[in-house]
Amino acid sequence: MKHYEVEILDAKTREKLCFLDKVEPHATIAEIKNLFTKTHPQWYPARQSLRLDPKGKSLKDEDILQKLPVGTTATLYFRDLGAQISWVTVFLTEYAGPLFIYLLFYFRVPFIYGHKYDFTSSRHTVVHLACICHSFHYVKRLLETLFVHRFSHGTMPLRNIFKNCTYYWGFAAWMAYYINHPLYTPPTYGAQQVKLALAIFVICQLGNFSIHMALRDLRPAGSKTRKIPYPTKNPITWLFLLVSCPNYTYEVGSWIGFAIMTQCLPVALFSLVGFTQMTIWAKGKHRSYLKEFRDYPPLRMPIIPFLL
């Protein structure tokens, strides 16, 4: 069996970092990363990006050496991705924060609204309903992170946790301050507006959960295989017929429902920012589906049926 020699260079400086002799032809990129870590312990596998071209795309961990367009002496280029943290840790932190922060405002703990309002309760039903909906949403997200989601990548850059927490925690505090404020006024159209908004919120939360379950069943535990997602017997998943990322569609719908329910400007802005970001993610996933699967359903749009 002919063995390979693998030379690893710094992608920026072209400095030789490592030379691996007698590498098995069927070695994966993940195994090469482990060998590289032995000579450079500071760069653990999750921090490493190995590529064939200094400015090219990162190779996948499951890529096999002999199937790459290289000779028996392969040159790979290394980039440091920076300190990494697990997706689960990031999600648990960014979702637990809003849950806790919102409740501080709901129970009107001291130093928020003034001494005479400490631990008082709102007389408006919609305020209590909004707290239940907000809490339900983030408890659902926490439970999905622990028991439903299967992550194709185990880690993300450590800096993301600060960016994500600033976004989620900041918006949670901003919307909670106004919704739970002693001077808060209920929606213009009263109970009818609240009931309609609650129906939108509940349906979209059920839809979001149903899509997450369908995506979970699509990928076996411990696998990174990708398949075309299709609707299940659950009618709420039929949105897959029209969009590539119905989980984002339902997520945005939930926050639109919450914005209508509370008639609160910070909630509307949170919905708009979230929709903008999820549209970017949906377009990226849609492009990758089209590139990877020739038989991908042509009718589907990224996030909004027939439009976007």
C-alpha atoms as a PDB file:
ATOM      1  CA  MET A   1       0.000   0.000   0.000  1.00  0.00           C
ATOM      2  CA  LYS A   2       1.383   3.377  -1.004  1.00  0.00           C
ATOM      3  CA  HIS A   3       1.469   5.867   1.877  1.00  0.00           C
ATOM      4  CA  TYR A   4       1.098   9.623   1.613  1.00  0.00           C
ATOM      5  CA  GLU A   5       3.260  12.441   2.880  1.00  0.00           C
ATOM      6  CA  VAL A   6       1.307  15.427   4.179  1.00  0.00           C
ATOM      7  CA  GLU A   7       2.845  18.864   4.479  1.00  0.00           C
ATOM      8  CA  ILE A   8       0.873  21.453   6.459  1.00  0.00           C
ATOM      9  CA  LEU A   9       1.642  25.134   5.819  1.00  0.00           C
ATOM     10  CA  ASP A  10       0.334  28.288   7.469  1.00  0.00           C
ATOM     11  CA  ALA A  11      -2.261  29.728   5.053  1.00  0.00           C
ATOM     12  CA  LYS A  12      -1.103  33.304   5.689  1.00  0.00           C
ATOM     13  CA  THR A  13       2.683  33.079   5.912  1.00  0.00           C
ATOM     14  CA  ARG A  14       3.254  29.793   3.989  1.00  0.00           C
ATOM     15  CA  GLU A  15       5.517  28.722   6.872  1.00  0.00           C
ATOM     16  CA  LYS A  16       5.865  24.950   7.210  1.00  0.00           C
ATOM     17  CA  LEU A  17       4.121  23.917  10.438  1.00  0.00           C
ATOM     18  CA  CYS A  18       4.166  20.160  10.208  1.00  0.00           C
ATOM     19  CA  PHE A  19       5.292  17.252   8.033  1.00  0.00           C
ATOM     20  CA  LEU A  20       3.451  13.961   8.407  1.00  0.00           C
ATOM     21  CA  ASP A  21       5.152  10.856   7.011  1.00  0.00           C
ATOM     22  CA  LYS A  22       3.508   7.544   6.085  1.00  0.00           C
ATOM     23  CA  VAL A  23      -0.103   8.700   6.289  1.00  0.00           C
ATOM     24  CA  GLU A  24      -2.641   6.027   5.335  1.00  0.00           C
ATOM     25  CA  PRO A  25      -4.400   6.702   1.982  1.00  0.00           C
ATOM     26  CA  HIS A  26      -7.825   6.237   3.604  1.00  0.00           C
ATOM     27  CA  ALA A  27      -7.044   8.659   6.457  1.00  0.00           C
ATOM     28  CA  THR A  28      -9.721  11.297   6.971  1.00  0.00           C
ATOM     29  CA  ILE A  29      -9.141  15.014   7.483  1.00  0.00           C
ATOM     30  CA  ALA A  30     -10.292  14.499  11.089  1.00  0.00           C
ATOM     31  CA  GLU A  31      -7.473  11.966  11.596  1.00  0.00           C
ATOM     32  CA  ILE A  32      -4.934  14.336  10.015  1.00  0.00           C
ATOM     33  CA  LYS A  33      -6.105  17.069  12.402  1.00  0.00           C
ATOM     34  CA  ASN A  34      -5.479  14.729  15.334  1.00  0.00           C
ATOM     35  CA  LEU A  35      -1.949  14.001  14.060  1.00  0.00           C
ATOM     36  CA  PHE A  36      -1.335  17.752  13.659  1.00  0.00           C
ATOM     37  CA  THR A  37      -2.487  18.374  17.250  1.00  0.00           C
ATOM     38  CA  LYS A  38       0.242  16.040  18.531  1.00  0.00           C
ATOM     39  CA  THR A  39       2.908  18.452  17.279  1.00  0.00           C
ATOM     40  CA  HIS A  40       0.876  21.629  18.011  1.00  0.00           C
ATOM     41  CA  PRO A  41      -1.288  20.958  21.109  1.00  0.00           C
ATOM     42  CA  GLN A  42      -2.466  24.584  21.246  1.00  0.00           C
ATOM     43  CA  TRP A  43      -4.451  23.978  18.059  1.00  0.00           C
ATOM     44  CA  TYR A  44      -6.938  21.287  19.012  1.00  0.00           C
ATOM     45  CA  PRO A  45      -8.945  19.775  16.096  1.00  0.00           C
ATOM     46  CA  ALA A  46     -11.975  22.062  16.503  1.00  0.00           C
ATOM     47  CA  ARG A  47      -9.736  25.141  16.044  1.00  0.00           C
ATOM     48  CA  GLN A  48      -8.255  23.841  12.797  1.00  0.00           C
ATOM     49  CA  SER A  49      -9.322  24.663   9.276  1.00  0.00           C
ATOM     50  CA  LEU A  50      -7.419  22.643   6.681  1.00  0.00           C
ATOM     51  CA  ARG A  51      -7.790  23.472   3.003  1.00  0.00           C
ATOM     52  CA  LEU A  52      -6.217  22.661  -0.372  1.00  0.00           C
ATOM     53  CA  ASP A  53      -5.806  26.315  -1.291  1.00  0.00           C
ATOM     54  CA  PRO A  54      -4.815  29.113   1.130  1.00  0.00           C
ATOM     55  CA  LYS A  55      -7.987  31.038   0.272  1.00  0.00           C
ATOM     56  CA  GLY A  56     -10.171  28.029  -0.486  1.00  0.00           C
ATOM     57  CA  LYS A  57     -12.942  26.363   1.490  1.00  0.00           C
ATOM     58  CA  SER A  58     -12.274  24.274   4.566  1.00  0.00           C
ATOM     59  CA  LEU A  59     -12.125  20.538   3.975  1.00  0.00           C
ATOM     60  CA  LYS A  60     -14.748  18.462   5.766  1.00  0.00           C
ATOM     61  CA  ASP A  61     -13.648  16.193   8.616  1.00  0.00           C
ATOM     62  CA  GLU A  62     -15.023  13.181   6.761  1.00  0.00           C
ATOM     63  CA  ASP A  63     -13.082  13.902   3.528  1.00  0.00           C
ATOM     64  CA  ILE A  64     -10.665  11.059   2.689  1.00  0.00           C
ATOM     65  CA  LEU A  65      -7.079  11.853   1.689  1.00  0.00           C
ATOM     66  CA  GLN A  66      -6.816   9.588  -1.360  1.00  0.00           C
ATOM     67  CA  LYS A  67     -10.065  11.025  -2.805  1.00  0.00           C
ATOM     68  CA  LEU A  68      -8.740  14.575  -2.728  1.00  0.00           C
ATOM     69  CA  PRO A  69      -7.092  16.079  -5.847  1.00  0.00           C
ATOM     70  CA  VAL A  70      -3.560  15.732  -4.421  1.00  0.00           C
ATOM     71  CA  GLY A  71      -0.483  13.660  -5.214  1.00  0.00           C
ATOM     72  CA  THR A  72       1.241  11.275  -2.816  1.00  0.00           C
ATOM     73  CA  THR A  73       2.866  14.355  -1.300  1.00  0.00           C
ATOM     74  CA  ALA A  74      -0.086  16.479  -0.260  1.00  0.00           C
ATOM     75  CA  THR A  75       0.126  20.112   0.762  1.00  0.00           C
ATOM     76  CA  LEU A  76      -2.600  21.393   3.085  1.00  0.00           C
ATOM     77  CA  TYR A  77      -3.008  24.932   4.362  1.00  0.00           C
ATOM     78  CA  PHE A  78      -3.898  25.651   7.975  1.00  0.00           C
ATOM     79  CA  ARG A  79      -5.968  28.473   9.450  1.00  0.00           C
ATOM     80  CA  ASP A  80      -6.632  28.955  13.162  1.00  0.00           C
ATOM     81  CA  LEU A  81     -10.376  29.331  13.771  1.00  0.00           C
ATOM     82  CA  GLY A  82      -9.778  30.716  17.269  1.00  0.00           C
ATOM     83  CA  ALA A  83     -11.007  29.447  20.630  1.00  0.00           C
ATOM     84  CA  GLN A  84     -14.075  27.256  20.245  1.00  0.00           C
ATOM     85  CA  ILE A  85     -17.123  26.551  22.412  1.00  0.00           C
ATOM     86  CA  SER A  86     -19.809  23.890  21.972  1.00  0.00           C
ATOM     87  CA  TRP A  87     -23.061  24.810  20.225  1.00  0.00           C
ATOM     88  CA  VAL A  88     -25.038  23.327  23.124  1.00  0.00           C
ATOM     89  CA  THR A  89     -23.296  25.612  25.656  1.00  0.00           C
ATOM     90  CA  VAL A  90     -23.921  28.680  23.474  1.00  0.00           C
ATOM     91  CA  PHE A  91     -27.593  27.852  22.928  1.00  0.00           C
ATOM     92  CA  LEU A  92     -28.262  27.088  26.590  1.00  0.00           C
ATOM     93  CA  THR A  93     -26.612  30.360  27.639  1.00  0.00           C
ATOM     94  CA  GLU A  94     -28.279  32.577  25.063  1.00  0.00           C
ATOM     95  CA  TYR A  95     -31.751  31.078  25.713  1.00  0.00           C
ATOM     96  CA  ALA A  96     -31.614  30.840  29.519  1.00  0.00           C
ATOM     97  CA  GLY A  97     -30.748  34.553  29.742  1.00  0.00           C
ATOM     98  CA  PRO A  98     -33.958  35.938  28.164  1.00  0.00           C
ATOM     99  CA  LEU A  99     -36.080  33.553  30.231  1.00  0.00           C
ATOM    100  CA  PHE A 100     -34.559  34.824  33.497  1.00  0.00           C
ATOM    101  CA  ILE A 101     -34.297  38.496  32.463  1.00  0.00           C
ATOM    102  CA  TYR A 102     -37.943  38.728  31.341  1.00  0.00           C
ATOM    103  CA  LEU A 103     -39.153  37.319  34.668  1.00  0.00           C
ATOM    104  CA  LEU A 104     -37.180  39.980  36.581  1.00  0.00           C
ATOM    105  CA  PHE A 105     -39.269  42.653  34.858  1.00  0.00           C
ATOM    106  CA  TYR A 106     -42.507  40.649  35.115  1.00  0.00           C
ATOM    107  CA  PHE A 107     -42.170  40.315  38.913  1.00  0.00           C
ATOM    108  CA  ARG A 108     -41.003  43.946  39.069  1.00  0.00           C
ATOM    109  CA  VAL A 109     -38.009  43.315  41.271  1.00  0.00           C
ATOM    110  CA  PRO A 110     -36.615  46.398  43.052  1.00  0.00           C
ATOM    111  CA  PHE A 111     -34.636  49.113  41.223  1.00  0.00           C
ATOM    112  CA  ILE A 112     -36.489  48.669  37.897  1.00  0.00           C
ATOM    113  CA  TYR A 113     -39.715  50.701  38.064  1.00  0.00           C
ATOM    114  CA  GLY A 114     -39.373  52.543  41.358  1.00  0.00           C
ATOM    115  CA  HIS A 115     -39.923  51.562  44.981  1.00  0.00           C
ATOM    116  CA  LYS A 116     -43.732  51.816  45.019  1.00  0.00           C
ATOM    117  CA  TYR A 117     -44.026  49.233  42.226  1.00  0.00           C
ATOM    118  CA  ASP A 118     -41.697  46.614  43.769  1.00  0.00           C
ATOM    119  CA  PHE A 119     -43.206  43.125  43.365  1.00  0.00           C
ATOM    120  CA  THR A 120     -46.560  44.511  42.235  1.00  0.00           C
ATOM    121  CA  SER A 121     -48.581  42.826  39.509  1.00  0.00           C
ATOM    122  CA  SER A 122     -50.106  44.224  36.310  1.00  0.00           C
ATOM    123  CA  ARG A 123     -53.896  44.453  36.092  1.00  0.00           C
ATOM    124  CA  HIS A 124     -53.848  43.668  32.360  1.00  0.00           C
ATOM    125  CA  THR A 125     -54.442  40.047  31.318  1.00  0.00           C
ATOM    126  CA  VAL A 126     -52.330  40.478  28.172  1.00  0.00           C
ATOM    127  CA  VAL A 127     -49.235  41.185  30.321  1.00  0.00           C
ATOM    128  CA  HIS A 128     -49.570  37.824  32.093  1.00  0.00           C
ATOM    129  CA  LEU A 129     -50.331  36.061  28.809  1.00  0.00           C
ATOM    130  CA  ALA A 130     -47.249  37.620  27.212  1.00  0.00           C
ATOM    131  CA  CYS A 131     -45.083  36.344  30.073  1.00  0.00           C
ATOM    132  CA  ILE A 132     -46.461  32.821  29.625  1.00  0.00           C
ATOM    133  CA  CYS A 133     -45.818  32.925  25.853  1.00  0.00           C
ATOM    134  CA  HIS A 134     -42.305  34.368  26.209  1.00  0.00           C
ATOM    135  CA  SER A 135     -41.364  31.843  28.909  1.00  0.00           C
ATOM    136  CA  PHE A 136     -42.858  28.955  26.924  1.00  0.00           C
ATOM    137  CA  HIS A 137     -40.857  29.951  23.842  1.00  0.00           C
ATOM    138  CA  TYR A 138     -37.500  29.914  25.623  1.00  0.00           C
ATOM    139  CA  VAL A 139     -38.224  26.801  27.716  1.00  0.00           C
ATOM    140  CA  LYS A 140     -39.087  25.092  24.407  1.00  0.00           C
ATOM    141  CA  ARG A 141     -35.789  26.277  22.907  1.00  0.00           C
ATOM    142  CA  LEU A 142     -33.800  25.011  25.885  1.00  0.00           C
ATOM    143  CA  LEU A 143     -35.476  21.582  25.777  1.00  0.00           C
ATOM    144  CA  GLU A 144     -34.970  21.345  21.993  1.00  0.00           C
ATOM    145  CA  THR A 145     -31.275  22.146  22.429  1.00  0.00           C
ATOM    146  CA  LEU A 146     -30.926  19.325  24.970  1.00  0.00           C
ATOM    147  CA  PHE A 147     -33.149  16.668  23.410  1.00  0.00           C
ATOM    148  CA  VAL A 148     -34.021  17.451  19.773  1.00  0.00           C
ATOM    149  CA  HIS A 149     -31.304  19.276  17.819  1.00  0.00           C
ATOM    150  CA  ARG A 150     -28.467  17.351  16.196  1.00  0.00           C
ATOM    151  CA  PHE A 151     -25.569  19.613  15.296  1.00  0.00           C
ATOM    152  CA  SER A 152     -23.461  18.971  12.204  1.00  0.00           C
ATOM    153  CA  HIS A 153     -20.648  20.994  13.804  1.00  0.00           C
ATOM    154  CA  GLY A 154     -19.792  20.446  17.451  1.00  0.00           C
ATOM    155  CA  THR A 155     -18.375  23.900  18.116  1.00  0.00           C
ATOM    156  CA  MET A 156     -18.453  27.561  17.115  1.00  0.00           C
ATOM    157  CA  PRO A 157     -16.027  30.447  17.792  1.00  0.00           C
ATOM    158  CA  LEU A 158     -16.019  31.554  21.437  1.00  0.00           C
ATOM    159  CA  ARG A 159     -16.639  35.187  20.417  1.00  0.00           C
ATOM    160  CA  ASN A 160     -20.098  34.200  19.132  1.00  0.00           C
ATOM    161  CA  ILE A 161     -21.415  33.652  22.638  1.00  0.00           C
ATOM    162  CA  PHE A 162     -20.845  37.334  23.494  1.00  0.00           C
ATOM    163  CA  LYS A 163     -22.464  38.523  20.265  1.00  0.00           C
ATOM    164  CA  ASN A 164     -25.445  36.169  20.578  1.00  0.00           C
ATOM    165  CA  CYS A 165     -26.036  36.883  24.266  1.00  0.00           C
ATOM    166  CA  THR A 166     -25.909  40.643  23.687  1.00  0.00           C
ATOM    167  CA  TYR A 167     -28.594  40.252  21.021  1.00  0.00           C
ATOM    168  CA  TYR A 168     -30.956  37.902  22.887  1.00  0.00           C
ATOM    169  CA  TRP A 169     -30.465  39.270  26.397  1.00  0.00           C
ATOM    170  CA  GLY A 170     -30.566  42.912  25.286  1.00  0.00           C
ATOM    171  CA  PHE A 171     -33.791  42.575  23.309  1.00  0.00           C
ATOM    172  CA  ALA A 172     -35.396  40.517  26.114  1.00  0.00           C
ATOM    173  CA  ALA A 173     -34.679  43.292  28.632  1.00  0.00           C
ATOM    174  CA  TRP A 174     -35.860  46.012  26.234  1.00  0.00           C
ATOM    175  CA  MET A 175     -39.205  44.387  25.379  1.00  0.00           C
ATOM    176  CA  ALA A 176     -39.801  43.186  28.962  1.00  0.00           C
ATOM    177  CA  TYR A 177     -39.263  46.708  30.342  1.00  0.00           C
ATOM    178  CA  TYR A 178     -42.113  48.138  28.263  1.00  0.00           C
ATOM    179  CA  ILE A 179     -44.532  45.189  28.362  1.00  0.00           C
ATOM    180  CA  ASN A 180     -44.341  44.930  32.165  1.00  0.00           C
ATOM    181  CA  HIS A 181     -44.182  48.693  32.793  1.00  0.00           C
ATOM    182  CA  PRO A 182     -46.830  50.029  35.237  1.00  0.00           C
ATOM    183  CA  LEU A 183     -47.936  52.518  32.529  1.00  0.00           C
ATOM    184  CA  TYR A 184     -48.258  49.864  29.787  1.00  0.00           C
ATOM    185  CA  THR A 185     -51.480  50.148  27.770  1.00  0.00           C
ATOM    186  CA  PRO A 186     -53.148  47.055  26.236  1.00  0.00           C
ATOM    187  CA  PRO A 187     -53.542  46.612  22.450  1.00  0.00           C
ATOM    188  CA  THR A 188     -55.862  48.941  20.540  1.00  0.00           C
ATOM    189  CA  TYR A 189     -58.428  46.285  19.602  1.00  0.00           C
ATOM    190  CA  GLY A 190     -58.471  44.625  23.008  1.00  0.00           C
ATOM    191  CA  ALA A 191     -59.325  40.955  23.534  1.00  0.00           C
ATOM    192  CA  GLN A 192     -59.983  40.252  19.828  1.00  0.00           C
ATOM    193  CA  GLN A 193     -56.462  41.373  18.875  1.00  0.00           C
ATOM    194  CA  VAL A 194     -54.932  39.362  21.715  1.00  0.00           C
ATOM    195  CA  LYS A 195     -56.863  36.193  20.798  1.00  0.00           C
ATOM    196  CA  LEU A 196     -55.884  36.438  17.122  1.00  0.00           C
ATOM    197  CA  ALA A 197     -52.253  37.028  18.045  1.00  0.00           C
ATOM    198  CA  LEU A 198     -52.272  34.141  20.529  1.00  0.00           C
ATOM    199  CA  ALA A 199     -53.623  31.797  17.826  1.00  0.00           C
ATOM    200  CA  ILE A 200     -50.821  32.886  15.449  1.00  0.00           C
ATOM    201  CA  PHE A 201     -48.216  32.400  18.177  1.00  0.00           C
ATOM    202  CA  VAL A 202     -49.418  28.920  19.229  1.00  0.00           C
ATOM    203  CA  ILE A 203     -49.763  27.603  15.647  1.00  0.00           C
ATOM    204  CA  CYS A 204     -46.301  28.887  14.719  1.00  0.00           C
ATOM    205  CA  GLN A 205     -44.722  27.430  17.862  1.00  0.00           C
ATOM    206  CA  LEU A 206     -46.262  24.046  17.060  1.00  0.00           C
ATOM    207  CA  GLY A 207     -45.074  24.408  13.460  1.00  0.00           C
ATOM    208  CA  ASN A 208     -41.536  25.289  14.530  1.00  0.00           C
ATOM    209  CA  PHE A 209     -41.368  22.280  16.860  1.00  0.00           C
ATOM    210  CA  SER A 210     -42.819  19.944  14.210  1.00  0.00           C
ATOM    211  CA  ILE A 211     -40.206  21.052  11.662  1.00  0.00           C
ATOM    212  CA  HIS A 212     -37.402  20.555  14.208  1.00  0.00           C
ATOM    213  CA  MET A 213     -38.633  17.014  14.863  1.00  0.00           C
ATOM    214  CA  ALA A 214     -38.804  16.284  11.120  1.00  0.00           C
ATOM    215  CA  LEU A 215     -35.231  17.569  10.658  1.00  0.00           C
ATOM    216  CA  ARG A 216     -34.047  15.495  13.632  1.00  0.00           C
ATOM    217  CA  ASP A 217     -35.511  12.305  12.158  1.00  0.00           C
ATOM    218  CA  LEU A 218     -33.757  13.125   8.870  1.00  0.00           C
ATOM    219  CA  ARG A 219     -30.288  12.805  10.434  1.00  0.00           C
ATOM    220  CA  PRO A 220     -29.388   9.663  12.437  1.00  0.00           C
ATOM    221  CA  ALA A 221     -27.629  10.238  15.761  1.00  0.00           C
ATOM    222  CA  GLY A 222     -23.882  10.796  15.308  1.00  0.00           C
ATOM    223  CA  SER A 223     -24.256  11.215  11.548  1.00  0.00           C
ATOM    224  CA  LYS A 224     -23.452  14.185   9.314  1.00  0.00           C
ATOM    225  CA  THR A 225     -25.378  12.869   6.316  1.00  0.00           C
ATOM    226  CA  ARG A 226     -27.586  15.407   4.542  1.00  0.00           C
ATOM    227  CA  LYS A 227     -30.881  14.554   2.868  1.00  0.00           C
ATOM    228  CA  ILE A 228     -33.638  16.564   1.240  1.00  0.00           C
ATOM    229  CA  PRO A 229     -36.221  17.375   3.935  1.00  0.00           C
ATOM    230  CA  TYR A 230     -39.799  16.459   3.031  1.00  0.00           C
ATOM    231  CA  PRO A 231     -43.139  16.886   4.825  1.00  0.00           C
ATOM    232  CA  THR A 232     -44.183  14.167   7.267  1.00  0.00           C
ATOM    233  CA  LYS A 233     -47.742  12.979   8.024  1.00  0.00           C
ATOM    234  CA  ASN A 234     -48.048  15.994  10.328  1.00  0.00           C
ATOM    235  CA  PRO A 235     -49.962  18.643   8.285  1.00  0.00           C
ATOM    236  CA  ILE A 236     -48.007  21.485   9.910  1.00  0.00           C
ATOM    237  CA  THR A 237     -44.854  20.227   8.165  1.00  0.00           C
ATOM    238  CA  TRP A 238     -46.464  20.590   4.715  1.00  0.00           C
ATOM    239  CA  LEU A 239     -44.858  24.028   4.500  1.00  0.00           C
ATOM    240  CA  PHE A 240     -41.788  22.056   3.355  1.00  0.00           C
ATOM    241  CA  LEU A 241     -43.559  21.846  -0.026  1.00  0.00           C
ATOM    242  CA  LEU A 242     -43.075  25.584  -0.481  1.00  0.00           C
ATOM    243  CA  VAL A 243     -39.986  26.651   1.487  1.00  0.00           C
ATOM    244  CA  SER A 244     -36.583  25.189   2.323  1.00  0.00           C
ATOM    245  CA  CYS A 245     -36.506  26.460   5.929  1.00  0.00           C
ATOM    246  CA  PRO A 246     -40.052  26.403   7.347  1.00  0.00           C
ATOM    247  CA  ASN A 247     -38.617  26.372  10.878  1.00  0.00           C
ATOM    248  CA  TYR A 248     -37.499  29.969  10.250  1.00  0.00           C
ATOM    249  CA  THR A 249     -40.872  30.849   8.694  1.00  0.00           C
ATOM    250  CA  TYR A 250     -42.670  29.618  11.809  1.00  0.00           C
ATOM    251  CA  GLU A 251     -40.136  31.300  14.121  1.00  0.00           C
ATOM    252  CA  VAL A 252     -40.728  34.674  12.471  1.00  0.00           C
ATOM    253  CA  GLY A 253     -44.496  34.025  12.564  1.00  0.00           C
ATOM    254  CA  SER A 254     -44.317  33.398  16.323  1.00  0.00           C
ATOM    255  CA  TRP A 255     -42.655  36.754  16.950  1.00  0.00           C
ATOM    256  CA  ILE A 256     -45.087  38.571  14.645  1.00  0.00           C
ATOM    257  CA  GLY A 257     -47.892  37.047  16.724  1.00  0.00           C
ATOM    258  CA  PHE A 258     -46.165  38.186  19.924  1.00  0.00           C
ATOM    259  CA  ALA A 259     -45.724  41.701  18.486  1.00  0.00           C
ATOM    260  CA  ILE A 260     -49.444  41.909  17.590  1.00  0.00           C
ATOM    261  CA  MET A 261     -50.388  40.592  21.033  1.00  0.00           C
ATOM    262  CA  THR A 262     -48.305  43.114  22.975  1.00  0.00           C
ATOM    263  CA  GLN A 263     -48.413  45.997  20.450  1.00  0.00           C
ATOM    264  CA  CYS A 264     -44.876  46.759  21.569  1.00  0.00           C
ATOM    265  CA  LEU A 265     -42.316  48.449  19.289  1.00  0.00           C
ATOM    266  CA  PRO A 266     -39.192  46.607  20.671  1.00  0.00           C
ATOM    267  CA  VAL A 267     -40.909  43.275  19.898  1.00  0.00           C
ATOM    268  CA  ALA A 268     -41.598  44.426  16.326  1.00  0.00           C
ATOM    269  CA  LEU A 269     -37.962  45.477  15.911  1.00  0.00           C
ATOM    270  CA  PHE A 270     -36.781  42.149  17.356  1.00  0.00           C
ATOM    271  CA  SER A 271     -39.032  40.380  14.815  1.00  0.00           C
ATOM    272  CA  LEU A 272     -37.611  42.479  11.958  1.00  0.00           C
ATOM    273  CA  VAL A 273     -33.962  41.902  12.938  1.00  0.00           C
ATOM    274  CA  GLY A 274     -34.653  38.186  13.438  1.00  0.00           C
ATOM    275  CA  PHE A 275     -36.392  37.933  10.066  1.00  0.00           C
ATOM    276  CA  THR A 276     -33.440  39.648   8.341  1.00  0.00           C
ATOM    277  CA  GLN A 277     -30.912  37.251   9.892  1.00  0.00           C
ATOM    278  CA  MET A 278     -33.038  34.147   9.289  1.00  0.00           C
ATOM    279  CA  THR A 279     -33.537  35.182   5.650  1.00  0.00           C
ATOM    280  CA  ILE A 280     -29.743  35.251   5.213  1.00  0.00           C
ATOM    281  CA  TRP A 281     -29.441  31.786   6.805  1.00  0.00           C
ATOM    282  CA  ALA A 282     -32.371  30.423   4.756  1.00  0.00           C
ATOM    283  CA  LYS A 283     -30.896  31.677   1.478  1.00  0.00           C
ATOM    284  CA  GLY A 284     -27.564  30.039   2.349  1.00  0.00           C
ATOM    285  CA  LYS A 285     -29.214  26.698   3.143  1.00  0.00           C
ATOM    286  CA  HIS A 286     -31.384  26.931   0.040  1.00  0.00           C
ATOM    287  CA  ARG A 287     -28.304  27.490  -2.153  1.00  0.00           C
ATOM    288  CA  SER A 288     -26.488  24.542  -0.573  1.00  0.00           C
ATOM    289  CA  TYR A 289     -29.530  22.285  -1.121  1.00  0.00           C
ATOM    290  CA  LEU A 290     -29.699  23.286  -4.811  1.00  0.00           C
ATOM    291  CA  LYS A 291     -25.966  22.706  -5.215  1.00  0.00           C
ATOM    292  CA  GLU A 292     -25.950  19.343  -3.432  1.00  0.00           C
ATOM    293  CA  PHE A 293     -29.171  17.776  -4.744  1.00  0.00           C
ATOM    294  CA  ARG A 294     -29.974  17.787  -8.464  1.00  0.00           C
ATOM    295  CA  ASP A 295     -33.537  16.600  -7.796  1.00  0.00           C
ATOM    296  CA  TYR A 296     -34.264  19.349  -5.259  1.00  0.00           C
ATOM    297  CA  PRO A 297     -37.927  20.502  -5.524  1.00  0.00           C
ATOM    298  CA  PRO A 298     -37.954  23.538  -7.870  1.00  0.00           C
ATOM    299  CA  LEU A 299     -41.041  25.152  -6.327  1.00  0.00           C
ATOM    300  CA  ARG A 300     -39.410  25.849  -2.971  1.00  0.00           C
ATOM    301  CA  MET A 301     -38.281  29.313  -1.902  1.00  0.00           C
ATOM    302  CA  PRO A 302     -35.883  29.923   1.040  1.00  0.00           C
ATOM    303  CA  ILE A 303     -38.297  31.318   3.693  1.00  0.00           C
ATOM    304  CA  ILE A 304     -41.494  32.895   2.269  1.00  0.00           C
ATOM    305  CA  PRO A 305     -43.625  30.853  -0.180  1.00  0.00           C
ATOM    306  CA  PHE A 306     -43.482  32.184  -3.778  1.00  0.00           C
ATOM    307  CA  LEU A 307     -41.657  35.383  -2.727  1.00  0.00           C
ATOM    308  CA  LEU A 308     -38.349  35.022  -0.898  1.00  0.00           C
END
